[in-house]
Amino acid sequence: MTAIFSSQTPALGLSLTEKIFCDNPRPFHSICLTEKAQTVNLAIASKSFQHLIYPIALDRGYMKEEGIDLKITFIEPTPSIQALMAGSVDFTVAGTSALVVLARSNAPLKVALAVNNRVHQWLLTKPNITSPKELKGKKIATTGIAAVATFMLKQILTKYGLDGNKDVVYIDPGLGNQLTALMSGVADAAVVGPELRYIGLDKGMKDLFYYGNEVKNSWGTLATSDRLIKEQPKMVAAFIKAALKSLRRVRQDREGTVTAMMKFSGVDRSQAARVYDDLINTFTLNGTVDEEIQRNDLIIIRQVAGVTDDIPNARGYDFSFAMDADQQLNRAGWKP
């Protein structure tokens, strides 16, 4: 578990020990906190585009404006859910993992914010594969045999006339090794995120399809606990409001977001701009997704969890804080 940054240490790649003092604030970065600021711990699993709203909310001072002293820590999804249930973190970006735990054990967790209304995954193939039906009998490198993206892929392949459970072979080459497996010939196709996708395309691999055009599901979801919602609703509301301010900025400020992505994700300007232009339209307007997307998400979650009982949308999602915050910002005429 490795700390990345907090309201008292600049984010986006700057030194963790560098402080921002009240008498010497820097442009773009958050200034000193008031004594009333409440510490909030957020677990982030990766430096992906969909998670960028949180360090931007920190650096632009949105968290401070809402009385939040945000501390961001890098934690893998499963440990982050354990930390959330133990109370050592307040929020995690591993919303999908939280729903899986909820489905399996009725854990008291909720998704409270959705950053994207499309799935940021692609299926890359060798250049000689030109249609999904040509995948029959082929090996596909996945992000995990039991990963949500793999179950989504089974749905997509079935739509194209294949048996998603029998007609292809799914392999797990290990974290971040999907593209390597494809390019080395170990696999014929690979499930990848935007960063690996661009590398693969530049190396001659083929974009067979984009998940976001094939399934209607959410991405980049934020989870918290029922306990926190019940015991500290003002804190939850303040955090969500600050995140929504950042979400609005990301949608409207291309140059600032590209610069922030370079620092946060460690990519060059060309790739950051490429990611922004390709994916910005997948960012939600108000941090919520509709009832249909929620139902679709929970159908996949039940498959991953291996359960048959229906899960009502209200059991897995609570977007009331996001909707209230959006209305407050609209009434105030707030703009980034």
Protein backbone atom coordinates (compact mmCIF):
# COMPACT_ATOMS: atom_id res chain seq x y z
CA MET A 1 0.00 0.00 0.00
CA THR A 2 1.83 3.11 -1.26
CA ALA A 3 0.79 6.69 -0.60
CA ILE A 4 0.73 8.91 -3.68
CA PHE A 5 -0.27 12.35 -2.49
CA SER A 6 -2.60 14.37 -0.27
CA SER A 7 -3.96 17.87 0.08
CA GLN A 8 -0.76 18.72 1.89
CA THR A 9 1.54 17.27 -0.76
CA PRO A 10 1.20 18.31 -4.40
CA ALA A 11 -0.16 15.66 -6.72
CA LEU A 12 0.45 14.82 -10.37
CA GLY A 13 4.01 13.64 -10.09
CA LEU A 14 5.55 16.23 -7.76
CA SER A 15 7.64 15.32 -4.73
CA LEU A 16 5.68 13.77 -1.90
CA THR A 17 7.66 15.77 0.64
CA GLU A 18 7.10 19.13 -1.03
CA LYS A 19 4.65 21.26 0.94
CA ILE A 20 2.36 24.07 -0.14
CA PHE A 21 2.28 26.84 2.44
CA CYS A 22 -0.32 29.54 3.00
CA ASP A 23 2.17 32.33 2.48
CA ASN A 24 3.48 30.92 -0.80
CA PRO A 25 0.67 29.28 -2.77
CA ARG A 26 1.40 28.07 -6.30
CA PRO A 27 -0.86 28.53 -9.28
CA PHE A 28 -2.92 25.41 -10.07
CA HIS A 29 -2.07 23.62 -6.83
CA SER A 30 -4.18 23.48 -3.69
CA ILE A 31 -3.34 25.97 -0.98
CA CYS A 32 -3.14 25.43 2.77
CA LEU A 33 -6.04 23.78 4.54
CA THR A 34 -8.29 25.38 7.12
CA GLU A 35 -8.41 23.88 10.58
CA LYS A 36 -11.93 22.63 9.86
CA ALA A 37 -10.91 20.42 6.92
CA GLN A 38 -11.92 16.79 7.36
CA THR A 39 -9.46 14.09 6.37
CA VAL A 40 -10.79 11.77 3.67
CA ASN A 41 -8.86 8.72 2.45
CA LEU A 42 -9.29 7.61 -1.16
CA ALA A 43 -7.89 4.39 -2.64
CA ILE A 44 -6.88 4.53 -6.31
CA ALA A 45 -5.95 1.34 -8.16
CA SER A 46 -4.13 2.81 -11.16
CA LYS A 47 -3.16 6.06 -12.84
CA SER A 48 -5.79 5.68 -15.54
CA PHE A 49 -7.62 8.54 -17.24
CA GLN A 50 -10.92 7.86 -15.46
CA HIS A 51 -9.24 8.40 -12.07
CA LEU A 52 -7.72 11.75 -13.01
CA ILE A 53 -10.67 13.73 -11.65
CA TYR A 54 -9.50 13.13 -8.07
CA PRO A 55 -5.96 14.55 -8.25
CA ILE A 56 -7.35 17.42 -10.31
CA ALA A 57 -9.97 18.06 -7.60
CA LEU A 58 -7.12 18.12 -5.13
CA ASP A 59 -4.81 20.39 -7.09
CA ARG A 60 -7.49 22.82 -8.22
CA GLY A 61 -8.57 23.32 -4.64
CA TYR A 62 -12.04 21.83 -5.08
CA MET A 63 -11.57 19.45 -2.16
CA LYS A 64 -10.38 22.29 0.06
CA GLU A 65 -13.37 24.42 -0.99
CA GLU A 66 -15.65 21.67 0.32
CA GLY A 67 -13.72 21.28 3.58
CA ILE A 68 -11.95 18.07 2.58
CA ASP A 69 -8.31 17.20 3.32
CA LEU A 70 -7.95 14.49 0.70
CA LYS A 71 -5.30 11.81 0.98
CA ILE A 72 -4.88 9.52 -2.02
CA THR A 73 -3.24 6.13 -1.70
CA PHE A 74 -2.45 3.52 -4.36
CA ILE A 75 -4.10 0.22 -3.40
CA GLU A 76 -5.05 -2.71 -5.64
CA PRO A 77 -8.82 -3.33 -5.96
CA THR A 78 -9.27 -6.29 -3.61
CA PRO A 79 -7.22 -4.85 -0.72
CA SER A 80 -8.96 -1.52 -1.22
CA ILE A 81 -12.34 -3.16 -0.64
CA GLN A 82 -10.99 -4.77 2.52
CA ALA A 83 -9.68 -1.38 3.65
CA LEU A 84 -13.04 0.23 2.87
CA MET A 85 -14.94 -2.32 4.94
CA ALA A 86 -12.43 -1.96 7.77
CA GLY A 87 -12.82 1.82 7.71
CA SER A 88 -9.19 2.64 6.89
CA VAL A 89 -10.24 4.22 3.59
CA ASP A 90 -13.44 6.12 2.93
CA PHE A 91 -13.75 5.67 -0.83
CA THR A 92 -12.25 3.42 -3.49
CA VAL A 93 -12.28 3.69 -7.28
CA ALA A 94 -12.73 -0.10 -7.40
CA GLY A 95 -16.51 0.22 -7.67
CA THR A 96 -16.88 -2.93 -9.77
CA SER A 97 -14.95 -5.00 -7.22
CA ALA A 98 -17.17 -3.59 -4.49
CA LEU A 99 -20.28 -4.77 -6.35
CA VAL A 100 -18.80 -8.26 -6.75
CA VAL A 101 -18.21 -8.45 -2.98
CA LEU A 102 -21.72 -7.13 -2.40
CA ALA A 103 -23.16 -9.84 -4.67
CA ARG A 104 -21.21 -12.63 -3.02
CA SER A 105 -21.62 -11.67 0.63
CA ASN A 106 -24.24 -8.90 0.81
CA ALA A 107 -21.48 -6.53 1.94
CA PRO A 108 -22.73 -3.07 3.01
CA LEU A 109 -21.24 -1.15 0.08
CA LYS A 110 -22.53 1.29 -2.53
CA VAL A 111 -21.37 2.80 -5.81
CA ALA A 112 -21.83 6.55 -5.35
CA LEU A 113 -20.28 8.00 -8.51
CA ALA A 114 -19.77 6.88 -12.11
CA VAL A 115 -17.13 8.72 -14.12
CA ASN A 116 -17.80 7.03 -17.47
CA ASN A 117 -20.84 5.61 -19.26
CA ARG A 118 -18.76 3.47 -21.62
CA VAL A 119 -16.25 0.73 -20.94
CA HIS A 120 -12.61 1.65 -21.61
CA GLN A 121 -11.54 -1.71 -23.03
CA TRP A 122 -10.69 -2.87 -26.56
CA LEU A 123 -10.04 -6.18 -28.25
CA LEU A 124 -6.84 -6.02 -30.27
CA THR A 125 -6.00 -8.82 -32.68
CA LYS A 126 -3.34 -9.91 -35.09
CA PRO A 127 -3.76 -7.99 -38.36
CA ASN A 128 -4.99 -11.06 -40.24
CA ILE A 129 -8.10 -11.36 -38.04
CA THR A 130 -10.76 -9.13 -39.53
CA SER A 131 -14.02 -10.22 -37.87
CA PRO A 132 -15.12 -11.61 -34.49
CA LYS A 133 -16.15 -14.92 -36.07
CA GLU A 134 -12.51 -15.51 -37.03
CA LEU A 135 -11.69 -15.75 -33.32
CA LYS A 136 -13.15 -19.26 -33.15
CA GLY A 137 -10.51 -21.60 -31.74
CA LYS A 138 -8.15 -18.71 -31.00
CA LYS A 139 -6.47 -17.69 -27.74
CA ILE A 140 -7.40 -14.38 -26.10
CA ALA A 141 -5.18 -12.75 -23.49
CA THR A 142 -7.42 -11.29 -20.80
CA THR A 143 -7.07 -9.12 -17.71
CA GLY A 144 -8.13 -12.19 -15.72
CA ILE A 145 -10.22 -15.28 -16.42
CA ALA A 146 -12.82 -14.09 -13.89
CA ALA A 147 -12.46 -10.38 -14.70
CA VAL A 148 -15.53 -8.30 -15.51
CA ALA A 149 -14.03 -7.44 -18.92
CA THR A 150 -13.79 -11.17 -19.73
CA PHE A 151 -17.47 -11.75 -18.93
CA MET A 152 -18.36 -8.73 -21.06
CA LEU A 153 -16.28 -10.23 -23.87
CA LYS A 154 -18.27 -13.47 -23.65
CA GLN A 155 -21.44 -11.44 -24.14
CA ILE A 156 -19.98 -9.62 -27.13
CA LEU A 157 -18.75 -12.82 -28.83
CA THR A 158 -22.16 -14.42 -28.34
CA LYS A 159 -23.71 -11.44 -30.11
CA TYR A 160 -21.46 -12.18 -33.09
CA GLY A 161 -22.56 -15.82 -33.31
CA LEU A 162 -19.87 -17.52 -31.24
CA ASP A 163 -20.25 -19.44 -28.02
CA GLY A 164 -18.43 -17.07 -25.68
CA ASN A 165 -17.78 -19.88 -23.22
CA LYS A 166 -16.54 -22.58 -25.60
CA ASP A 167 -15.38 -21.22 -28.95
CA VAL A 168 -12.30 -19.34 -27.74
CA VAL A 169 -9.57 -20.01 -25.19
CA TYR A 170 -9.09 -17.38 -22.48
CA ILE A 171 -5.64 -17.03 -20.95
CA ASP A 172 -4.32 -14.81 -18.17
CA PRO A 173 -0.76 -13.70 -19.00
CA GLY A 174 -0.44 -11.64 -15.82
CA LEU A 175 -0.94 -8.00 -14.95
CA GLY A 176 -0.13 -5.71 -17.89
CA ASN A 177 1.11 -8.55 -20.14
CA GLN A 178 -1.88 -8.81 -22.49
CA LEU A 179 -0.25 -6.90 -25.35
CA THR A 180 3.04 -8.75 -24.90
CA ALA A 181 1.19 -12.06 -25.19
CA LEU A 182 -0.45 -10.88 -28.42
CA MET A 183 2.69 -9.52 -30.06
CA SER A 184 4.80 -12.53 -29.07
CA GLY A 185 2.31 -14.95 -30.61
CA VAL A 186 1.23 -16.53 -27.33
CA ALA A 187 -2.26 -15.13 -27.99
CA ASP A 188 -4.20 -14.21 -31.10
CA ALA A 189 -6.09 -11.36 -29.44
CA ALA A 190 -5.84 -9.29 -26.28
CA VAL A 191 -8.13 -7.27 -24.04
CA VAL A 192 -6.42 -3.94 -23.41
CA GLY A 193 -7.01 -0.50 -21.97
CA PRO A 194 -6.25 2.77 -23.80
CA GLU A 195 -2.53 2.92 -23.00
CA LEU A 196 -1.70 -0.57 -24.32
CA ARG A 197 -4.14 -0.09 -27.19
CA TYR A 198 -2.16 2.80 -28.67
CA ILE A 199 1.10 0.90 -28.39
CA GLY A 200 -0.47 -2.11 -30.10
CA LEU A 201 -1.96 -0.04 -32.92
CA ASP A 202 1.38 1.66 -33.52
CA LYS A 203 2.96 -1.81 -33.76
CA GLY A 204 0.49 -2.94 -36.44
CA MET A 205 -2.12 -4.75 -34.35
CA LYS A 206 -5.79 -4.42 -35.30
CA ASP A 207 -8.62 -2.79 -33.35
CA LEU A 208 -11.30 -5.46 -33.71
CA PHE A 209 -13.83 -3.70 -31.50
CA TYR A 210 -14.29 -1.21 -28.69
CA TYR A 211 -16.29 -2.50 -25.73
CA GLY A 212 -18.02 0.86 -25.40
CA ASN A 213 -19.72 0.29 -28.75
CA GLU A 214 -20.73 -3.28 -27.93
CA VAL A 215 -22.08 -3.21 -24.36
CA LYS A 216 -23.85 -0.59 -22.30
CA ASN A 217 -22.06 -0.55 -18.95
CA SER A 218 -20.37 1.93 -16.65
CA TRP A 219 -16.67 2.45 -16.01
CA GLY A 220 -14.62 4.31 -13.43
CA THR A 221 -17.06 3.82 -10.55
CA LEU A 222 -16.45 5.02 -7.00
CA ALA A 223 -17.59 2.99 -3.98
CA THR A 224 -18.08 3.79 -0.33
CA SER A 225 -19.69 2.06 2.64
CA ASP A 226 -23.27 2.15 3.85
CA ARG A 227 -21.83 3.04 7.24
CA LEU A 228 -20.17 6.19 5.94
CA ILE A 229 -23.32 7.22 4.07
CA LYS A 230 -25.37 6.82 7.25
CA GLU A 231 -22.92 8.26 9.76
CA GLN A 232 -21.20 11.01 7.74
CA PRO A 233 -23.54 12.11 4.94
CA LYS A 234 -22.18 15.69 4.94
CA MET A 235 -18.67 14.43 4.32
CA VAL A 236 -19.84 12.13 1.51
CA ALA A 237 -21.78 15.01 -0.03
CA ALA A 238 -18.77 17.35 0.15
CA PHE A 239 -16.43 14.80 -1.43
CA ILE A 240 -18.84 14.02 -4.26
CA LYS A 241 -19.43 17.72 -4.92
CA ALA A 242 -15.70 18.37 -5.23
CA ALA A 243 -15.36 15.37 -7.56
CA LEU A 244 -18.20 16.71 -9.75
CA LYS A 245 -16.46 20.08 -10.02
CA SER A 246 -13.41 18.24 -11.29
CA LEU A 247 -15.50 16.15 -13.68
CA ARG A 248 -16.88 19.35 -15.20
CA ARG A 249 -13.39 20.76 -15.56
CA VAL A 250 -12.11 17.64 -17.29
CA ARG A 251 -14.93 17.82 -19.82
CA GLN A 252 -14.35 21.51 -20.55
CA ASP A 253 -10.60 22.07 -20.16
CA ARG A 254 -8.75 19.99 -22.74
CA GLU A 255 -5.35 21.62 -22.36
CA GLY A 256 -5.38 21.60 -18.57
CA THR A 257 -6.52 17.99 -18.48
CA VAL A 258 -3.89 16.87 -20.99
CA THR A 259 -1.19 18.55 -18.88
CA ALA A 260 -2.56 16.95 -15.71
CA MET A 261 -2.67 13.53 -17.37
CA MET A 262 0.98 13.83 -18.42
CA LYS A 263 1.99 14.39 -14.81
CA PHE A 264 -0.39 11.88 -13.24
CA SER A 265 0.00 9.01 -15.71
CA GLY A 266 3.55 9.70 -16.90
CA VAL A 267 2.63 9.75 -20.60
CA ASP A 268 3.84 12.22 -23.20
CA ARG A 269 1.69 15.06 -24.55
CA SER A 270 0.85 13.25 -27.78
CA GLN A 271 -0.55 10.19 -26.02
CA ALA A 272 -2.35 12.25 -23.38
CA ALA A 273 -4.06 14.27 -26.12
CA ARG A 274 -4.91 11.09 -27.98
CA VAL A 275 -6.55 9.56 -24.90
CA TYR A 276 -8.45 12.76 -24.14
CA ASP A 277 -9.82 13.18 -27.66
CA ASP A 278 -10.83 9.52 -27.94
CA LEU A 279 -12.50 9.19 -24.54
CA ILE A 280 -13.73 12.55 -23.28
CA ASN A 281 -17.24 11.92 -24.62
CA THR A 282 -17.48 8.86 -22.36
CA PHE A 283 -17.32 11.03 -19.22
CA THR A 284 -20.70 11.41 -17.56
CA LEU A 285 -22.33 14.82 -17.24
CA ASN A 286 -23.20 14.50 -13.57
CA GLY A 287 -21.45 11.44 -12.13
CA THR A 288 -24.40 9.11 -12.64
CA VAL A 289 -25.57 6.45 -15.10
CA ASP A 290 -29.13 5.51 -15.92
CA GLU A 291 -31.16 2.59 -14.60
CA GLU A 292 -30.50 0.47 -17.68
CA ILE A 293 -26.73 0.74 -17.30
CA GLN A 294 -27.05 -0.08 -13.60
CA ARG A 295 -29.07 -3.20 -14.43
CA ASN A 296 -26.57 -4.23 -17.10
CA ASP A 297 -23.72 -3.79 -14.64
CA LEU A 298 -25.42 -5.95 -12.05
CA ILE A 299 -26.15 -8.70 -14.59
CA ILE A 300 -22.42 -8.95 -15.28
CA ILE A 301 -21.62 -8.72 -11.58
CA ARG A 302 -23.90 -11.67 -10.83
CA GLN A 303 -22.11 -13.72 -13.50
CA VAL A 304 -18.69 -12.86 -12.08
CA ALA A 305 -19.84 -13.58 -8.53
CA GLY A 306 -21.58 -16.80 -9.54
CA VAL A 307 -24.90 -15.88 -7.94
CA THR A 308 -28.41 -16.14 -9.32
CA ASP A 309 -30.40 -13.95 -6.93
CA ASP A 310 -31.50 -10.64 -8.36
CA ILE A 311 -29.76 -7.51 -7.06
CA PRO A 312 -31.96 -4.40 -7.11
CA ASN A 313 -30.27 -1.29 -8.48
CA ALA A 314 -30.87 0.49 -5.19
CA ARG A 315 -28.85 -2.17 -3.38
CA GLY A 316 -25.75 -1.49 -5.43
CA TYR A 317 -26.02 2.21 -6.27
CA ASP A 318 -26.71 5.45 -4.45
CA PHE A 319 -26.38 8.40 -6.82
CA SER A 320 -28.38 10.76 -4.60
CA PHE A 321 -25.27 12.66 -3.52
CA ALA A 322 -24.15 13.16 -7.12
CA MET A 323 -27.59 14.31 -8.23
CA ASP A 324 -27.88 16.73 -5.31
CA ALA A 325 -24.41 18.12 -5.94
CA ASP A 326 -25.14 18.57 -9.63
CA GLN A 327 -28.31 20.50 -8.81
CA GLN A 328 -26.44 22.70 -6.33
CA LEU A 329 -23.75 23.53 -8.88
CA ASN A 330 -26.38 24.29 -11.52
CA ARG A 331 -28.32 26.58 -9.20
CA ALA A 332 -25.11 28.42 -8.31
CA GLY A 333 -24.15 28.73 -11.97
CA TRP A 334 -20.81 27.10 -11.11
CA LYS A 335 -18.32 26.78 -13.95
CA PRO A 336 -14.67 25.68 -13.86
